[in-house]
Amino acid sequence: MNCPRCQSTQIIKYGHTHYGKPRFRCQDCGRQFVEQATRQPIDETTRQLIDKLLLERLALAAIARVTGVSQRWLQLYVNQKFHQIPKAVEVTSKKKVD
């Protein structure tokens, strides 16, 4: 078995997932993984669709149903997007009219 990140063979058993599958850890890069993962990362096209649906102000439950992602993952994704937005507000002074 090789590490999915660095292809190292220095792998140790590192407990179980909450689904009961054995978890492994690479001793070289520290990556934790499951040997035959059934859950795959969300691809870029789905993320772009989610961004468009968020701009349409659809409910998160509706977006999760349409795209097939979990509501928990979607909430984490929205929170991540929110924290990436700059929080500084630029205020320009208006000219005073006498």
PDB file of N, CA and C in Angstrom:
ATOM      1  N   MET A   1       0.854  -1.178   0.000  1.00  0.00           N
ATOM      2  CA  MET A   1       0.000   0.000   0.000  1.00  0.00           C
ATOM      3  C   MET A   1       0.899   1.240   0.000  1.00  0.00           C
ATOM      4  N   ASN A   2       0.496   2.233  -0.788  1.00  0.00           N
ATOM      5  CA  ASN A   2       1.246   3.485  -0.898  1.00  0.00           C
ATOM      6  C   ASN A   2       0.409   4.650  -0.410  1.00  0.00           C
ATOM      7  N   CYS A   3       1.080   5.688   0.069  1.00  0.00           N
ATOM      8  CA  CYS A   3       0.406   6.912   0.501  1.00  0.00           C
ATOM      9  C   CYS A   3      -0.155   7.626  -0.732  1.00  0.00           C
ATOM     10  N   PRO A   4      -1.413   8.096  -0.679  1.00  0.00           N
ATOM     11  CA  PRO A   4      -1.966   8.796  -1.848  1.00  0.00           C
ATOM     12  C   PRO A   4      -1.299  10.137  -2.119  1.00  0.00           C
ATOM     13  N   ARG A   5      -0.659  10.745  -1.121  1.00  0.00           N
ATOM     14  CA  ARG A   5      -0.029  12.051  -1.310  1.00  0.00           C
ATOM     15  C   ARG A   5       1.398  11.928  -1.820  1.00  0.00           C
ATOM     16  N   CYS A   6       2.227  11.136  -1.112  1.00  0.00           N
ATOM     17  CA  CYS A   6       3.663  11.117  -1.442  1.00  0.00           C
ATOM     18  C   CYS A   6       4.149   9.777  -1.989  1.00  0.00           C
ATOM     19  N   GLN A   7       3.241   8.800  -2.118  1.00  0.00           N
ATOM     20  CA  GLN A   7       3.548   7.468  -2.635  1.00  0.00           C
ATOM     21  C   GLN A   7       4.553   6.688  -1.780  1.00  0.00           C
ATOM     22  N   SER A   8       4.725   7.080  -0.527  1.00  0.00           N
ATOM     23  CA  SER A   8       5.626   6.385   0.382  1.00  0.00           C
ATOM     24  C   SER A   8       5.013   5.047   0.794  1.00  0.00           C
ATOM     25  N   THR A   9       5.866   4.098   1.150  1.00  0.00           N
ATOM     26  CA  THR A   9       5.395   2.807   1.650  1.00  0.00           C
ATOM     27  C   THR A   9       5.493   2.727   3.170  1.00  0.00           C
ATOM     28  N   GLN A  10       5.890   3.805   3.824  1.00  0.00           N
ATOM     29  CA  GLN A  10       6.011   3.840   5.278  1.00  0.00           C
ATOM     30  C   GLN A  10       4.640   4.137   5.884  1.00  0.00           C
ATOM     31  N   ILE A  11       3.773   3.128   5.913  1.00  0.00           N
ATOM     32  CA  ILE A  11       2.388   3.274   6.340  1.00  0.00           C
ATOM     33  C   ILE A  11       2.182   2.501   7.635  1.00  0.00           C
ATOM     34  N   ILE A  12       1.466   3.105   8.584  1.00  0.00           N
ATOM     35  CA  ILE A  12       1.105   2.408   9.810  1.00  0.00           C
ATOM     36  C   ILE A  12      -0.412   2.432   9.977  1.00  0.00           C
ATOM     37  N   LYS A  13      -0.935   1.428  10.686  1.00  0.00           N
ATOM     38  CA  LYS A  13      -2.363   1.415  10.992  1.00  0.00           C
ATOM     39  C   LYS A  13      -2.610   2.484  12.045  1.00  0.00           C
ATOM     40  N   TYR A  14      -3.713   3.257  11.882  1.00  0.00           N
ATOM     41  CA  TYR A  14      -3.928   4.434  12.730  1.00  0.00           C
ATOM     42  C   TYR A  14      -5.362   4.496  13.233  1.00  0.00           C
ATOM     43  N   GLY A  15      -5.902   3.332  13.643  1.00  0.00           N
ATOM     44  CA  GLY A  15      -7.246   3.303  14.200  1.00  0.00           C
ATOM     45  C   GLY A  15      -8.301   3.013  13.155  1.00  0.00           C
ATOM     46  N   HIS A  16      -9.547   3.422  13.480  1.00  0.00           N
ATOM     47  CA  HIS A  16     -10.685   3.178  12.605  1.00  0.00           C
ATOM     48  C   HIS A  16     -11.474   4.466  12.410  1.00  0.00           C
ATOM     49  N   THR A  17     -12.166   4.542  11.285  1.00  0.00           N
ATOM     50  CA  THR A  17     -13.090   5.646  11.068  1.00  0.00           C
ATOM     51  C   THR A  17     -14.359   5.368  11.859  1.00  0.00           C
ATOM     52  N   HIS A  18     -15.257   6.344  11.936  1.00  0.00           N
ATOM     53  CA  HIS A  18     -16.501   6.106  12.644  1.00  0.00           C
ATOM     54  C   HIS A  18     -17.430   5.182  11.869  1.00  0.00           C
ATOM     55  N   TYR A  19     -17.064   4.839  10.642  1.00  0.00           N
ATOM     56  CA  TYR A  19     -17.805   3.847   9.871  1.00  0.00           C
ATOM     57  C   TYR A  19     -17.232   2.446  10.071  1.00  0.00           C
ATOM     58  N   GLY A  20     -16.138   2.340  10.823  1.00  0.00           N
ATOM     59  CA  GLY A  20     -15.544   1.041  11.115  1.00  0.00           C
ATOM     60  C   GLY A  20     -14.438   0.625  10.172  1.00  0.00           C
ATOM     61  N   LYS A  21     -14.112   1.443   9.174  1.00  0.00           N
ATOM     62  CA  LYS A  21     -13.038   1.092   8.253  1.00  0.00           C
ATOM     63  C   LYS A  21     -11.683   1.381   8.899  1.00  0.00           C
ATOM     64  N   PRO A  22     -10.674   0.565   8.621  1.00  0.00           N
ATOM     65  CA  PRO A  22      -9.347   0.847   9.182  1.00  0.00           C
ATOM     66  C   PRO A  22      -8.740   2.098   8.548  1.00  0.00           C
ATOM     67  N   ARG A  23      -8.127   2.921   9.393  1.00  0.00           N
ATOM     68  CA  ARG A  23      -7.490   4.154   8.942  1.00  0.00           C
ATOM     69  C   ARG A  23      -5.976   3.941   8.989  1.00  0.00           C
ATOM     70  N   PHE A  24      -5.281   4.560   8.047  1.00  0.00           N
ATOM     71  CA  PHE A  24      -3.829   4.439   7.970  1.00  0.00           C
ATOM     72  C   PHE A  24      -3.204   5.820   7.998  1.00  0.00           C
ATOM     73  N   ARG A  25      -1.922   5.871   8.370  1.00  0.00           N
ATOM     74  CA  ARG A  25      -1.189   7.139   8.432  1.00  0.00           C
ATOM     75  C   ARG A  25       0.183   6.957   7.812  1.00  0.00           C
ATOM     76  N   CYS A  26       0.571   7.902   6.969  1.00  0.00           N
ATOM     77  CA  CYS A  26       1.897   7.884   6.342  1.00  0.00           C
ATOM     78  C   CYS A  26       2.898   8.461   7.338  1.00  0.00           C
ATOM     79  N   GLN A  27       3.984   7.746   7.567  1.00  0.00           N
ATOM     80  CA  GLN A  27       4.991   8.237   8.505  1.00  0.00           C
ATOM     81  C   GLN A  27       5.880   9.309   7.887  1.00  0.00           C
ATOM     82  N   ASP A  28       5.885   9.417   6.576  1.00  0.00           N
ATOM     83  CA  ASP A  28       6.717  10.430   5.924  1.00  0.00           C
ATOM     84  C   ASP A  28       6.035  11.796   5.868  1.00  0.00           C
ATOM     85  N   CYS A  29       4.785  11.841   5.391  1.00  0.00           N
ATOM     86  CA  CYS A  29       4.123  13.144   5.225  1.00  0.00           C
ATOM     87  C   CYS A  29       3.011  13.392   6.243  1.00  0.00           C
ATOM     88  N   GLY A  30       2.598  12.368   7.006  1.00  0.00           N
ATOM     89  CA  GLY A  30       1.573  12.554   8.021  1.00  0.00           C
ATOM     90  C   GLY A  30       0.145  12.442   7.505  1.00  0.00           C
ATOM     91  N   ARG A  31      -0.048  12.155   6.238  1.00  0.00           N
ATOM     92  CA  ARG A  31      -1.389  12.049   5.647  1.00  0.00           C
ATOM     93  C   ARG A  31      -2.125  10.865   6.256  1.00  0.00           C
ATOM     94  N   GLN A  32      -3.387  11.088   6.643  1.00  0.00           N
ATOM     95  CA  GLN A  32      -4.257  10.019   7.110  1.00  0.00           C
ATOM     96  C   GLN A  32      -5.206   9.660   5.979  1.00  0.00           C
ATOM     97  N   PHE A  33      -5.461   8.359   5.807  1.00  0.00           N
ATOM     98  CA  PHE A  33      -6.340   7.952   4.710  1.00  0.00           C
ATOM     99  C   PHE A  33      -6.939   6.589   4.989  1.00  0.00           C
ATOM    100  N   VAL A  34      -7.979   6.270   4.224  1.00  0.00           N
ATOM    101  CA  VAL A  34      -8.627   4.968   4.236  1.00  0.00           C
ATOM    102  C   VAL A  34      -8.250   4.296   2.932  1.00  0.00           C
ATOM    103  N   GLU A  35      -7.996   2.996   2.991  1.00  0.00           N
ATOM    104  CA  GLU A  35      -7.477   2.295   1.815  1.00  0.00           C
ATOM    105  C   GLU A  35      -8.425   2.361   0.619  1.00  0.00           C
ATOM    106  N   GLN A  36      -9.675   2.006   0.790  1.00  0.00           N
ATOM    107  CA  GLN A  36     -10.626   2.061  -0.314  1.00  0.00           C
ATOM    108  C   GLN A  36     -11.759   3.001   0.084  1.00  0.00           C
ATOM    109  N   ALA A  37     -11.514   4.274  -0.055  1.00  0.00           N
ATOM    110  CA  ALA A  37     -12.491   5.276   0.370  1.00  0.00           C
ATOM    111  C   ALA A  37     -13.706   5.251  -0.555  1.00  0.00           C
ATOM    112  N   THR A  38     -14.896   5.267   0.042  1.00  0.00           N
ATOM    113  CA  THR A  38     -16.109   5.318  -0.767  1.00  0.00           C
ATOM    114  C   THR A  38     -16.553   6.751  -0.985  1.00  0.00           C
ATOM    115  N   ARG A  39     -16.111   7.653  -0.149  1.00  0.00           N
ATOM    116  CA  ARG A  39     -16.469   9.063  -0.272  1.00  0.00           C
ATOM    117  C   ARG A  39     -15.344   9.785  -1.009  1.00  0.00           C
ATOM    118  N   GLN A  40     -15.703  10.465  -2.074  1.00  0.00           N
ATOM    119  CA  GLN A  40     -14.723  11.144  -2.912  1.00  0.00           C
ATOM    120  C   GLN A  40     -14.823  12.653  -2.716  1.00  0.00           C
ATOM    121  N   PRO A  41     -13.739  13.388  -2.975  1.00  0.00           N
ATOM    122  CA  PRO A  41     -13.812  14.850  -2.872  1.00  0.00           C
ATOM    123  C   PRO A  41     -14.799  15.432  -3.886  1.00  0.00           C
ATOM    124  N   ILE A  42     -15.342  16.598  -3.550  1.00  0.00           N
ATOM    125  CA  ILE A  42     -16.294  17.271  -4.429  1.00  0.00           C
ATOM    126  C   ILE A  42     -15.519  17.900  -5.585  1.00  0.00           C
ATOM    127  N   ASP A  43     -15.910  17.597  -6.815  1.00  0.00           N
ATOM    128  CA  ASP A  43     -15.165  18.102  -7.968  1.00  0.00           C
ATOM    129  C   ASP A  43     -15.441  19.587  -8.203  1.00  0.00           C
ATOM    130  N   GLU A  44     -14.601  20.179  -9.035  1.00  0.00           N
ATOM    131  CA  GLU A  44     -14.631  21.629  -9.263  1.00  0.00           C
ATOM    132  C   GLU A  44     -15.911  22.086  -9.955  1.00  0.00           C
ATOM    133  N   THR A  45     -16.461  21.277 -10.860  1.00  0.00           N
ATOM    134  CA  THR A  45     -17.692  21.682 -11.540  1.00  0.00           C
ATOM    135  C   THR A  45     -18.861  21.752 -10.557  1.00  0.00           C
ATOM    136  N   THR A  46     -18.907  20.835  -9.603  1.00  0.00           N
ATOM    137  CA  THR A  46     -19.964  20.878  -8.587  1.00  0.00           C
ATOM    138  C   THR A  46     -19.786  22.097  -7.700  1.00  0.00           C
ATOM    139  N   ARG A  47     -18.550  22.422  -7.359  1.00  0.00           N
ATOM    140  CA  ARG A  47     -18.294  23.612  -6.541  1.00  0.00           C
ATOM    141  C   ARG A  47     -18.730  24.884  -7.269  1.00  0.00           C
ATOM    142  N   GLN A  48     -18.479  24.953  -8.578  1.00  0.00           N
ATOM    143  CA  GLN A  48     -18.901  26.119  -9.354  1.00  0.00           C
ATOM    144  C   GLN A  48     -20.421  26.214  -9.409  1.00  0.00           C
ATOM    145  N   LEU A  49     -21.098  25.076  -9.549  1.00  0.00           N
ATOM    146  CA  LEU A  49     -22.559  25.062  -9.539  1.00  0.00           C
ATOM    147  C   LEU A  49     -23.089  25.527  -8.188  1.00  0.00           C
ATOM    148  N   ILE A  50     -22.449  25.078  -7.106  1.00  0.00           N
ATOM    149  CA  ILE A  50     -22.854  25.505  -5.764  1.00  0.00           C
ATOM    150  C   ILE A  50     -22.693  27.007  -5.618  1.00  0.00           C
ATOM    151  N   ASP A  51     -21.584  27.554  -6.122  1.00  0.00           N
ATOM    152  CA  ASP A  51     -21.369  29.003  -6.053  1.00  0.00           C
ATOM    153  C   ASP A  51     -22.475  29.761  -6.795  1.00  0.00           C
ATOM    154  N   LYS A  52     -22.869  29.271  -7.958  1.00  0.00           N
ATOM    155  CA  LYS A  52     -23.939  29.922  -8.720  1.00  0.00           C
ATOM    156  C   LYS A  52     -25.272  29.838  -7.980  1.00  0.00           C
ATOM    157  N   LEU A  53     -25.557  28.676  -7.392  1.00  0.00           N
ATOM    158  CA  LEU A  53     -26.810  28.511  -6.658  1.00  0.00           C
ATOM    159  C   LEU A  53     -26.830  29.365  -5.399  1.00  0.00           C
ATOM    160  N   LEU A  54     -25.671  29.562  -4.774  1.00  0.00           N
ATOM    161  CA  LEU A  54     -25.600  30.439  -3.606  1.00  0.00           C
ATOM    162  C   LEU A  54     -25.907  31.883  -4.003  1.00  0.00           C
ATOM    163  N   LEU A  55     -25.435  32.290  -5.182  1.00  0.00           N
ATOM    164  CA  LEU A  55     -25.732  33.644  -5.660  1.00  0.00           C
ATOM    165  C   LEU A  55     -27.221  33.819  -5.948  1.00  0.00           C
ATOM    166  N   GLU A  56     -27.897  32.722  -6.280  1.00  0.00           N
ATOM    167  CA  GLU A  56     -29.346  32.772  -6.508  1.00  0.00           C
ATOM    168  C   GLU A  56     -30.122  32.763  -5.200  1.00  0.00           C
ATOM    169  N   ARG A  57     -29.425  32.664  -4.083  1.00  0.00           N
ATOM    170  CA  ARG A  57     -29.997  32.700  -2.734  1.00  0.00           C
ATOM    171  C   ARG A  57     -30.963  31.555  -2.470  1.00  0.00           C
ATOM    172  N   LEU A  58     -30.610  30.367  -2.983  1.00  0.00           N
ATOM    173  CA  LEU A  58     -31.399  29.187  -2.679  1.00  0.00           C
ATOM    174  C   LEU A  58     -31.067  28.702  -1.271  1.00  0.00           C
ATOM    175  N   ALA A  59     -31.977  27.984  -0.662  1.00  0.00           N
ATOM    176  CA  ALA A  59     -31.734  27.417   0.661  1.00  0.00           C
ATOM    177  C   ALA A  59     -30.638  26.351   0.570  1.00  0.00           C
ATOM    178  N   LEU A  60     -29.887  26.211   1.650  1.00  0.00           N
ATOM    179  CA  LEU A  60     -28.802  25.230   1.651  1.00  0.00           C
ATOM    180  C   LEU A  60     -29.333  23.816   1.466  1.00  0.00           C
ATOM    181  N   ALA A  61     -30.489  23.526   2.042  1.00  0.00           N
ATOM    182  CA  ALA A  61     -31.074  22.192   1.875  1.00  0.00           C
ATOM    183  C   ALA A  61     -31.390  21.924   0.403  1.00  0.00           C
ATOM    184  N   ALA A  62     -31.875  22.931  -0.312  1.00  0.00           N
ATOM    185  CA  ALA A  62     -32.177  22.779  -1.738  1.00  0.00           C
ATOM    186  C   ALA A  62     -30.893  22.565  -2.539  1.00  0.00           C
ATOM    187  N   ILE A  63     -29.856  23.316  -2.224  1.00  0.00           N
ATOM    188  CA  ILE A  63     -28.575  23.165  -2.933  1.00  0.00           C
ATOM    189  C   ILE A  63     -28.008  21.774  -2.684  1.00  0.00           C
ATOM    190  N   ALA A  64     -28.116  21.295  -1.452  1.00  0.00           N
ATOM    191  CA  ALA A  64     -27.610  19.957  -1.121  1.00  0.00           C
ATOM    192  C   ALA A  64     -28.370  18.887  -1.906  1.00  0.00           C
ATOM    193  N   ARG A  65     -29.679  19.039  -2.030  1.00  0.00           N
ATOM    194  CA  ARG A  65     -30.482  18.076  -2.792  1.00  0.00           C
ATOM    195  C   ARG A  65     -30.115  18.089  -4.269  1.00  0.00           C
ATOM    196  N   VAL A  66     -29.976  19.281  -4.839  1.00  0.00           N
ATOM    197  CA  VAL A  66     -29.710  19.396  -6.282  1.00  0.00           C
ATOM    198  C   VAL A  66     -28.324  18.854  -6.626  1.00  0.00           C
ATOM    199  N   THR A  67     -27.328  19.172  -5.812  1.00  0.00           N
ATOM    200  CA  THR A  67     -25.952  18.806  -6.145  1.00  0.00           C
ATOM    201  C   THR A  67     -25.532  17.448  -5.603  1.00  0.00           C
ATOM    202  N   GLY A  68     -26.271  16.918  -4.642  1.00  0.00           N
ATOM    203  CA  GLY A  68     -25.935  15.601  -4.094  1.00  0.00           C
ATOM    204  C   GLY A  68     -24.851  15.628  -3.029  1.00  0.00           C
ATOM    205  N   VAL A  69     -24.550  16.800  -2.470  1.00  0.00           N
ATOM    206  CA  VAL A  69     -23.571  16.882  -1.386  1.00  0.00           C
ATOM    207  C   VAL A  69     -24.318  16.867  -0.052  1.00  0.00           C
ATOM    208  N   SER A  70     -23.596  16.559   1.011  1.00  0.00           N
ATOM    209  CA  SER A  70     -24.248  16.541   2.319  1.00  0.00           C
ATOM    210  C   SER A  70     -24.439  17.975   2.813  1.00  0.00           C
ATOM    211  N   GLN A  71     -25.453  18.155   3.641  1.00  0.00           N
ATOM    212  CA  GLN A  71     -25.711  19.486   4.199  1.00  0.00           C
ATOM    213  C   GLN A  71     -24.563  19.912   5.103  1.00  0.00           C
ATOM    214  N   ARG A  72     -23.960  18.974   5.813  1.00  0.00           N
ATOM    215  CA  ARG A  72     -22.831  19.293   6.693  1.00  0.00           C
ATOM    216  C   ARG A  72     -21.650  19.819   5.878  1.00  0.00           C
ATOM    217  N   TRP A  73     -21.306  19.120   4.765  1.00  0.00           N
ATOM    218  CA  TRP A  73     -20.200  19.578   3.930  1.00  0.00           C
ATOM    219  C   TRP A  73     -20.514  20.948   3.339  1.00  0.00           C
ATOM    220  N   LEU A  74     -21.756  21.130   2.898  1.00  0.00           N
ATOM    221  CA  LEU A  74     -22.157  22.393   2.287  1.00  0.00           C
ATOM    222  C   LEU A  74     -22.038  23.541   3.282  1.00  0.00           C
ATOM    223  N   GLN A  75     -22.447  23.322   4.527  1.00  0.00           N
ATOM    224  CA  GLN A  75     -22.335  24.375   5.537  1.00  0.00           C
ATOM    225  C   GLN A  75     -20.868  24.718   5.789  1.00  0.00           C
ATOM    226  N   LEU A  76     -20.005  23.720   5.855  1.00  0.00           N
ATOM    227  CA  LEU A  76     -18.564  23.977   6.026  1.00  0.00           C
ATOM    228  C   LEU A  76     -18.001  24.750   4.833  1.00  0.00           C
ATOM    229  N   TYR A  77     -18.459  24.420   3.624  1.00  0.00           N
ATOM    230  CA  TYR A  77     -18.004  25.102   2.417  1.00  0.00           C
ATOM    231  C   TYR A  77     -18.432  26.569   2.426  1.00  0.00           C
ATOM    232  N   VAL A  78     -19.687  26.820   2.815  1.00  0.00           N
ATOM    233  CA  VAL A  78     -20.192  28.199   2.878  1.00  0.00           C
ATOM    234  C   VAL A  78     -19.429  28.990   3.939  1.00  0.00           C
ATOM    235  N   ASN A  79     -19.175  28.375   5.091  1.00  0.00           N
ATOM    236  CA  ASN A  79     -18.409  29.054   6.137  1.00  0.00           C
ATOM    237  C   ASN A  79     -17.008  29.398   5.655  1.00  0.00           C
ATOM    238  N   GLN A  80     -16.387  28.479   4.913  1.00  0.00           N
ATOM    239  CA  GLN A  80     -15.047  28.721   4.372  1.00  0.00           C
ATOM    240  C   GLN A  80     -15.081  29.894   3.394  1.00  0.00           C
ATOM    241  N   LYS A  81     -16.085  29.930   2.529  1.00  0.00           N
ATOM    242  CA  LYS A  81     -16.222  31.044   1.579  1.00  0.00           C
ATOM    243  C   LYS A  81     -16.403  32.367   2.321  1.00  0.00           C
ATOM    244  N   PHE A  82     -17.211  32.353   3.387  1.00  0.00           N
ATOM    245  CA  PHE A  82     -17.472  33.563   4.161  1.00  0.00           C
ATOM    246  C   PHE A  82     -16.194  34.106   4.786  1.00  0.00           C
ATOM    247  N   HIS A  83     -15.351  33.214   5.310  1.00  0.00           N
ATOM    248  CA  HIS A  83     -14.121  33.662   5.965  1.00  0.00           C
ATOM    249  C   HIS A  83     -13.080  34.156   4.968  1.00  0.00           C
ATOM    250  N   GLN A  84     -13.237  33.830   3.683  1.00  0.00           N
ATOM    251  CA  GLN A  84     -12.304  34.307   2.663  1.00  0.00           C
ATOM    252  C   GLN A  84     -12.617  35.723   2.199  1.00  0.00           C
ATOM    253  N   ILE A  85     -13.815  36.198   2.503  1.00  0.00           N
ATOM    254  CA  ILE A  85     -14.217  37.538   2.076  1.00  0.00           C
ATOM    255  C   ILE A  85     -13.513  38.566   2.949  1.00  0.00           C
ATOM    256  N   PRO A  86     -12.891  39.587   2.357  1.00  0.00           N
ATOM    257  CA  PRO A  86     -12.252  40.623   3.174  1.00  0.00           C
ATOM    258  C   PRO A  86     -13.275  41.359   4.024  1.00  0.00           C
ATOM    259  N   LYS A  87     -12.912  41.613   5.280  1.00  0.00           N
ATOM    260  CA  LYS A  87     -13.849  42.232   6.216  1.00  0.00           C
ATOM    261  C   LYS A  87     -13.648  43.750   6.339  1.00  0.00           C
ATOM    262  N   ALA A  88     -12.654  44.288   5.670  1.00  0.00           N
ATOM    263  CA  ALA A  88     -12.394  45.721   5.741  1.00  0.00           C
ATOM    264  C   ALA A  88     -13.410  46.471   4.884  1.00  0.00           C
ATOM    265  N   VAL A  89     -13.933  47.547   5.430  1.00  0.00           N
ATOM    266  CA  VAL A  89     -14.894  48.375   4.711  1.00  0.00           C
ATOM    267  C   VAL A  89     -14.237  49.716   4.432  1.00  0.00           C
ATOM    268  N   GLU A  90     -14.292  50.124   3.179  1.00  0.00           N
ATOM    269  CA  GLU A  90     -13.728  51.420   2.822  1.00  0.00           C
ATOM    270  C   GLU A  90     -14.819  52.471   2.910  1.00  0.00           C
ATOM    271  N   VAL A  91     -14.538  53.515   3.664  1.00  0.00           N
ATOM    272  CA  VAL A  91     -15.511  54.600   3.834  1.00  0.00           C
ATOM    273  C   VAL A  91     -14.883  55.853   3.243  1.00  0.00           C
ATOM    274  N   THR A  92     -15.596  56.445   2.287  1.00  0.00           N
ATOM    275  CA  THR A  92     -15.111  57.688   1.715  1.00  0.00           C
ATOM    276  C   THR A  92     -15.956  58.829   2.261  1.00  0.00           C
ATOM    277  N   SER A  93     -15.294  59.911   2.558  1.00  0.00           N
ATOM    278  CA  SER A  93     -16.044  61.054   3.113  1.00  0.00           C
ATOM    279  C   SER A  93     -16.707  61.825   1.965  1.00  0.00           C
ATOM    280  N   LYS A  94     -17.898  62.309   2.255  1.00  0.00           N
ATOM    281  CA  LYS A  94     -18.631  63.092   1.267  1.00  0.00           C
ATOM    282  C   LYS A  94     -18.214  64.546   1.385  1.00  0.00           C
ATOM    283  N   LYS A  95     -18.340  65.236   0.298  1.00  0.00           N
ATOM    284  CA  LYS A  95     -18.050  66.687   0.330  1.00  0.00           C
ATOM    285  C   LYS A  95     -19.181  67.375   1.079  1.00  0.00           C
ATOM    286  N   LYS A  96     -18.813  68.272   1.934  1.00  0.00           N
ATOM    287  CA  LYS A  96     -19.808  69.035   2.671  1.00  0.00           C
ATOM    288  C   LYS A  96     -20.358  70.141   1.777  1.00  0.00           C
ATOM    289  N   VAL A  97     -21.647  70.269   1.796  1.00  0.00           N
ATOM    290  CA  VAL A  97     -22.306  71.330   1.037  1.00  0.00           C
ATOM    291  C   VAL A  97     -22.622  72.450   2.005  1.00  0.00           C
ATOM    292  N   ASP A  98     -22.126  73.647   1.741  1.00  0.00           N
ATOM    293  CA  ASP A  98     -22.378  74.790   2.627  1.00  0.00           C
ATOM    294  C   ASP A  98     -23.558  75.587   2.214  1.00  0.00           C
TER     295      ASP A  98
END
